[in-house]
């Protein structure tokens, strides 16, 4: 595959996305909220890559479309969890002691 085509290789892009999601999830604090959001992100943010791989072996056109819709659904869910994460952490300000406190 040429370097130009690499940009459009969806499977590789989804794998890279999954790795970045794992890195974000691993960086979250080990709190009740952090663990919950981390688990949700790992579930929905890593599934599109293998689901896309499964779609490549679809038994029919409608099966392929269904499997690709599942990928899209998981990506949309990931987007919402990332928005929640950004809003949650933007509502916190550092304390003097280095701990976080709601603003």
C-alpha atoms as a PDB file:
ATOM      1  CA  UNK A   1       0.000   0.000   0.000  1.00  0.00           C
ATOM      2  CA  UNK A   2       1.390   3.420  -0.943  1.00  0.00           C
ATOM      3  CA  UNK A   3       1.871   6.145   1.615  1.00  0.00           C
ATOM      4  CA  UNK A   4      -1.019   8.180   0.146  1.00  0.00           C
ATOM      5  CA  UNK A   5      -3.437   5.271   0.489  1.00  0.00           C
ATOM      6  CA  UNK A   6      -2.400   4.851   4.138  1.00  0.00           C
ATOM      7  CA  UNK A   7      -4.420   7.966   5.002  1.00  0.00           C
ATOM      8  CA  UNK A   8      -7.573   6.251   3.833  1.00  0.00           C
ATOM      9  CA  UNK A   9      -7.029   2.840   5.427  1.00  0.00           C
ATOM     10  CA  UNK A  10     -10.001   2.841   7.777  1.00  0.00           C
ATOM     11  CA  UNK A  11      -8.928  -0.231   9.731  1.00  0.00           C
ATOM     12  CA  UNK A  12      -5.558   1.327  10.606  1.00  0.00           C
ATOM     13  CA  UNK A  13      -7.228   4.600  11.544  1.00  0.00           C
ATOM     14  CA  UNK A  14      -9.711   2.807  13.799  1.00  0.00           C
ATOM     15  CA  UNK A  15      -6.880   0.876  15.459  1.00  0.00           C
ATOM     16  CA  UNK A  16      -4.979   4.131  16.074  1.00  0.00           C
ATOM     17  CA  UNK A  17      -8.167   5.645  17.495  1.00  0.00           C
ATOM     18  CA  UNK A  18      -8.621   2.663  19.838  1.00  0.00           C
ATOM     19  CA  UNK A  19      -5.041   3.024  21.085  1.00  0.00           C
ATOM     20  CA  UNK A  20      -5.596   6.724  21.804  1.00  0.00           C
ATOM     21  CA  UNK A  21      -8.832   5.923  23.639  1.00  0.00           C
ATOM     22  CA  UNK A  22      -6.975   3.364  25.778  1.00  0.00           C
ATOM     23  CA  UNK A  23      -4.330   5.993  26.582  1.00  0.00           C
ATOM     24  CA  UNK A  24      -7.010   8.486  27.629  1.00  0.00           C
ATOM     25  CA  UNK A  25      -8.780   5.854  29.743  1.00  0.00           C
ATOM     26  CA  UNK A  26      -5.529   4.846  31.446  1.00  0.00           C
ATOM     27  CA  UNK A  27      -4.774   8.481  32.298  1.00  0.00           C
ATOM     28  CA  UNK A  28      -8.042   9.023  34.168  1.00  0.00           C
ATOM     29  CA  UNK A  29      -7.946   9.161  37.967  1.00  0.00           C
ATOM     30  CA  UNK A  30      -8.689   5.927  39.800  1.00  0.00           C
ATOM     31  CA  UNK A  31     -11.904   7.285  41.315  1.00  0.00           C
ATOM     32  CA  UNK A  32     -15.476   6.055  41.037  1.00  0.00           C
ATOM     33  CA  UNK A  33     -16.171   8.515  38.218  1.00  0.00           C
ATOM     34  CA  UNK A  34     -12.802   7.977  36.534  1.00  0.00           C
ATOM     35  CA  UNK A  35     -13.207   4.201  36.594  1.00  0.00           C
ATOM     36  CA  UNK A  36     -16.747   4.395  35.220  1.00  0.00           C
ATOM     37  CA  UNK A  37     -15.875   6.726  32.351  1.00  0.00           C
ATOM     38  CA  UNK A  38     -12.707   4.757  31.654  1.00  0.00           C
ATOM     39  CA  UNK A  39     -14.677   1.531  31.335  1.00  0.00           C
ATOM     40  CA  UNK A  40     -17.267   3.127  29.081  1.00  0.00           C
ATOM     41  CA  UNK A  41     -14.587   4.649  26.845  1.00  0.00           C
ATOM     42  CA  UNK A  42     -12.693   1.385  26.563  1.00  0.00           C
ATOM     43  CA  UNK A  43     -15.881  -0.500  25.698  1.00  0.00           C
ATOM     44  CA  UNK A  44     -17.235   1.804  22.996  1.00  0.00           C
ATOM     45  CA  UNK A  45     -13.964   3.362  21.827  1.00  0.00           C
ATOM     46  CA  UNK A  46     -12.126   0.145  21.085  1.00  0.00           C
ATOM     47  CA  UNK A  47     -14.955  -1.848  19.506  1.00  0.00           C
ATOM     48  CA  UNK A  48     -15.195  -0.063  16.118  1.00  0.00           C
ATOM     49  CA  UNK A  49     -11.874  -1.509  14.878  1.00  0.00           C
ATOM     50  CA  UNK A  50     -12.767  -5.186  15.409  1.00  0.00           C
ATOM     51  CA  UNK A  51     -16.356  -4.507  14.313  1.00  0.00           C
ATOM     52  CA  UNK A  52     -15.008  -3.043  11.082  1.00  0.00           C
ATOM     53  CA  UNK A  53     -12.901  -6.164  10.629  1.00  0.00           C
ATOM     54  CA  UNK A  54     -16.022  -8.249  11.126  1.00  0.00           C
ATOM     55  CA  UNK A  55     -17.866  -6.144   8.538  1.00  0.00           C
ATOM     56  CA  UNK A  56     -15.192  -7.010   5.994  1.00  0.00           C
ATOM     57  CA  UNK A  57     -16.372 -10.615   6.228  1.00  0.00           C
ATOM     58  CA  UNK A  58     -20.062  -9.776   5.971  1.00  0.00           C
ATOM     59  CA  UNK A  59     -22.237 -12.412   4.352  1.00  0.00           C
ATOM     60  CA  UNK A  60     -24.344  -9.931   2.380  1.00  0.00           C
ATOM     61  CA  UNK A  61     -24.604  -6.259   1.517  1.00  0.00           C
ATOM     62  CA  UNK A  62     -27.254  -5.734   4.198  1.00  0.00           C
ATOM     63  CA  UNK A  63     -25.071  -7.560   6.755  1.00  0.00           C
ATOM     64  CA  UNK A  64     -22.162  -5.272   5.836  1.00  0.00           C
ATOM     65  CA  UNK A  65     -24.344  -2.174   6.219  1.00  0.00           C
ATOM     66  CA  UNK A  66     -25.628  -3.391   9.581  1.00  0.00           C
ATOM     67  CA  UNK A  67     -22.106  -4.055  10.888  1.00  0.00           C
ATOM     68  CA  UNK A  68     -20.899  -0.653   9.688  1.00  0.00           C
ATOM     69  CA  UNK A  69     -23.856   0.991  11.442  1.00  0.00           C
ATOM     70  CA  UNK A  70     -22.754  -0.740  14.653  1.00  0.00           C
ATOM     71  CA  UNK A  71     -19.287   0.804  14.180  1.00  0.00           C
ATOM     72  CA  UNK A  72     -20.828   4.232  13.708  1.00  0.00           C
ATOM     73  CA  UNK A  73     -23.057   3.784  16.767  1.00  0.00           C
ATOM     74  CA  UNK A  74     -20.029   2.950  18.929  1.00  0.00           C
ATOM     75  CA  UNK A  75     -18.092   5.936  17.572  1.00  0.00           C
ATOM     76  CA  UNK A  76     -21.006   8.250  18.366  1.00  0.00           C
ATOM     77  CA  UNK A  77     -21.205   6.846  21.880  1.00  0.00           C
ATOM     78  CA  UNK A  78     -17.471   7.436  22.295  1.00  0.00           C
ATOM     79  CA  UNK A  79     -17.913  11.039  21.165  1.00  0.00           C
ATOM     80  CA  UNK A  80     -20.569  11.613  23.839  1.00  0.00           C
ATOM     81  CA  UNK A  81     -18.387  10.072  26.578  1.00  0.00           C
ATOM     82  CA  UNK A  82     -15.473  12.286  25.516  1.00  0.00           C
ATOM     83  CA  UNK A  83     -17.736  15.356  25.685  1.00  0.00           C
ATOM     84  CA  UNK A  84     -18.854  14.329  29.175  1.00  0.00           C
ATOM     85  CA  UNK A  85     -15.223  13.890  30.183  1.00  0.00           C
ATOM     86  CA  UNK A  86     -14.234  17.331  28.888  1.00  0.00           C
ATOM     87  CA  UNK A  87     -17.175  19.032  30.629  1.00  0.00           C
ATOM     88  CA  UNK A  88     -16.548  17.152  33.873  1.00  0.00           C
ATOM     89  CA  UNK A  89     -12.881  18.084  34.065  1.00  0.00           C
ATOM     90  CA  UNK A  90     -13.418  21.661  32.889  1.00  0.00           C
ATOM     91  CA  UNK A  91     -15.675  22.105  35.947  1.00  0.00           C
ATOM     92  CA  UNK A  92     -12.733  21.330  38.277  1.00  0.00           C
ATOM     93  CA  UNK A  93      -9.993  23.730  39.366  1.00  0.00           C
ATOM     94  CA  UNK A  94      -6.722  22.777  41.069  1.00  0.00           C
ATOM     95  CA  UNK A  95      -6.448  23.426  44.805  1.00  0.00           C
ATOM     96  CA  UNK A  96      -3.283  24.634  46.481  1.00  0.00           C
ATOM     97  CA  UNK A  97      -2.508  21.110  47.678  1.00  0.00           C
ATOM     98  CA  UNK A  98      -2.645  19.833  44.104  1.00  0.00           C
ATOM     99  CA  UNK A  99      -5.999  18.098  44.550  1.00  0.00           C
ATOM    100  CA  UNK A 100      -9.019  18.799  42.424  1.00  0.00           C
ATOM    101  CA  UNK A 101     -12.107  20.639  43.640  1.00  0.00           C
ATOM    102  CA  UNK A 102     -15.372  21.568  41.905  1.00  0.00           C
ATOM    103  CA  UNK A 103     -15.482  25.219  40.801  1.00  0.00           C
END
